[in-house]
Amino acid sequence: MIHLTTTAAQEIKRLQRSRGQTHHYFRLGVKPGGCAGWYYTLDLVREIDNSDREFESQGLTILVNETSFPFVENIKLDYAEDLMGGGFRFTNPNTASSCSCGLSFSLPTVST
C-alpha cells in the first residue's frame, strides 16, 4: 500500500492542473544515487507499464514498478511548506536512515 496525505494529494493534483496533465498517473519510484545511496523519483505519466502495480489513495492512482515496490511498500507521502519552500516528505518503514534533505535514503544491511 502507498499512503498519500490530503496535502500530498492536493499538491499532486495542483501539479497535474498546472502542467495540463490532469489525466496522467502519479508514478513513485526509486533509483540508486543521492547522498545516502538511493533517492525517490516522482513523475506524472500518461500510460501504465506492464510491470506497474497500481494503488489508489486520496482519489489518485499511484503507479510503482516491480523494481521499486520493495523499497516503497507502505510508504507515507506528505507535502509541507516551510520557510525554505514546499516539498514532499517521505516516511518509509523500509529504510535504515535518510539524509538531511529527506530525499535520499539507505537500506538496512542484511547480515548472513
Protein backbone atom coordinates (compact mmCIF):
# COMPACT_ATOMS: atom_id res chain seq x y z
CA MET A 1 0.00 0.00 0.00
CA ILE A 2 1.09 3.55 -0.72
CA HIS A 3 -0.36 6.26 1.54
CA LEU A 4 -0.85 9.88 0.49
CA THR A 5 -1.82 12.55 2.98
CA THR A 6 -4.50 15.03 1.99
CA THR A 7 -1.90 17.75 1.47
CA ALA A 8 0.27 15.49 -0.73
CA ALA A 9 -2.75 14.59 -2.88
CA GLN A 10 -3.72 18.26 -3.17
CA GLU A 11 -0.20 19.16 -4.33
CA ILE A 12 -0.11 16.33 -6.89
CA LYS A 13 -3.49 17.44 -8.26
CA ARG A 14 -2.26 21.05 -8.36
CA LEU A 15 0.81 19.93 -10.35
CA GLN A 16 -1.38 17.94 -12.74
CA ARG A 17 -3.59 21.00 -13.36
CA SER A 18 -0.70 23.47 -13.72
CA ARG A 19 1.04 21.21 -16.26
CA GLY A 20 -2.13 20.37 -18.17
CA GLN A 21 -1.72 16.71 -17.21
CA THR A 22 -4.94 16.05 -15.32
CA HIS A 23 -5.34 12.64 -16.97
CA HIS A 24 -1.82 11.49 -16.08
CA TYR A 25 -0.94 8.99 -13.38
CA PHE A 26 1.38 9.69 -10.45
CA ARG A 27 4.47 7.46 -10.53
CA LEU A 28 6.60 6.87 -7.43
CA GLY A 29 9.94 5.13 -7.78
CA VAL A 30 13.50 4.85 -6.52
CA LYS A 31 16.89 4.96 -8.21
CA PRO A 32 20.41 4.36 -6.94
CA GLY A 33 22.22 7.58 -6.07
CA GLY A 34 21.87 10.53 -3.78
CA CYS A 35 23.89 11.19 -0.66
CA ALA A 36 22.55 8.12 1.21
CA GLY A 37 22.59 5.56 -1.62
CA TRP A 38 19.04 5.73 -3.02
CA TYR A 39 16.66 8.55 -3.95
CA TYR A 40 12.95 8.87 -4.70
CA THR A 41 11.57 9.73 -8.13
CA LEU A 42 8.19 11.37 -8.71
CA ASP A 43 6.67 11.68 -12.18
CA LEU A 44 3.39 12.26 -13.96
CA VAL A 45 2.96 9.69 -16.73
CA ARG A 46 0.33 9.05 -19.36
CA GLU A 47 0.45 5.24 -19.54
CA ILE A 48 0.61 2.25 -17.22
CA ASP A 49 3.51 -0.14 -17.88
CA ASN A 50 3.12 -3.92 -17.72
CA SER A 51 5.42 -4.06 -14.68
CA ASP A 52 3.44 -1.44 -12.72
CA ARG A 53 1.47 -2.02 -9.57
CA GLU A 54 -1.50 0.30 -9.14
CA PHE A 55 -2.60 1.84 -5.85
CA GLU A 56 -5.41 4.24 -5.01
CA SER A 57 -5.06 6.90 -2.34
CA GLN A 58 -6.94 10.17 -1.85
CA GLY A 59 -8.60 9.82 -5.27
CA LEU A 60 -5.33 9.39 -7.16
CA THR A 61 -3.92 6.38 -8.97
CA ILE A 62 -0.32 5.77 -7.94
CA LEU A 63 1.97 3.62 -10.08
CA VAL A 64 5.03 1.79 -8.75
CA ASN A 65 7.08 -0.57 -10.90
CA GLU A 66 8.06 -4.02 -9.63
CA THR A 67 11.69 -3.00 -9.09
CA SER A 68 10.82 -0.03 -6.88
CA PHE A 69 7.96 -1.63 -4.96
CA PRO A 70 10.01 -3.38 -2.22
CA PHE A 71 11.66 -0.03 -1.44
CA VAL A 72 8.41 1.94 -1.10
CA GLU A 73 5.91 -0.60 0.22
CA ASN A 74 3.85 1.06 3.00
CA ILE A 75 5.45 4.46 2.44
CA LYS A 76 3.60 7.59 3.55
CA LEU A 77 3.97 10.63 1.31
CA ASP A 78 3.20 14.06 2.74
CA TYR A 79 3.62 17.60 1.46
CA ALA A 80 4.59 20.55 3.62
CA GLU A 81 5.65 24.14 3.17
CA ASP A 82 8.13 25.93 5.39
CA LEU A 83 10.44 28.94 5.21
CA MET A 84 12.60 27.14 2.64
CA GLY A 85 9.63 26.42 0.35
CA GLY A 86 7.43 23.41 -0.21
CA GLY A 87 8.34 19.81 -0.71
CA PHE A 88 7.26 16.22 -0.41
CA ARG A 89 8.16 14.40 2.81
CA PHE A 90 8.65 10.63 2.91
CA THR A 91 8.00 8.35 5.88
CA ASN A 92 9.35 4.99 4.81
CA PRO A 93 9.44 1.97 7.16
CA ASN A 94 11.83 0.16 4.79
CA THR A 95 14.80 2.50 5.22
CA ALA A 96 17.68 2.36 7.67
CA SER A 97 18.28 6.11 7.54
CA SER A 98 17.76 9.15 5.38
CA CYS A 99 19.93 12.15 4.68
CA SER A 100 19.10 15.60 5.99
CA CYS A 101 17.50 16.62 2.68
CA GLY A 102 14.91 13.86 3.18
CA LEU A 103 15.06 12.78 -0.46
CA SER A 104 17.82 10.19 -0.21
CA PHE A 105 17.87 7.09 1.96
CA SER A 106 19.85 3.99 2.83
CA LEU A 107 18.65 0.44 3.26
CA PRO A 108 19.24 -1.86 6.22
CA THR A 109 22.20 -4.16 5.77
CA VAL A 110 21.40 -7.84 5.70
CA SER A 111 23.74 -9.98 7.78
CA THR A 112 24.34 -13.54 6.65
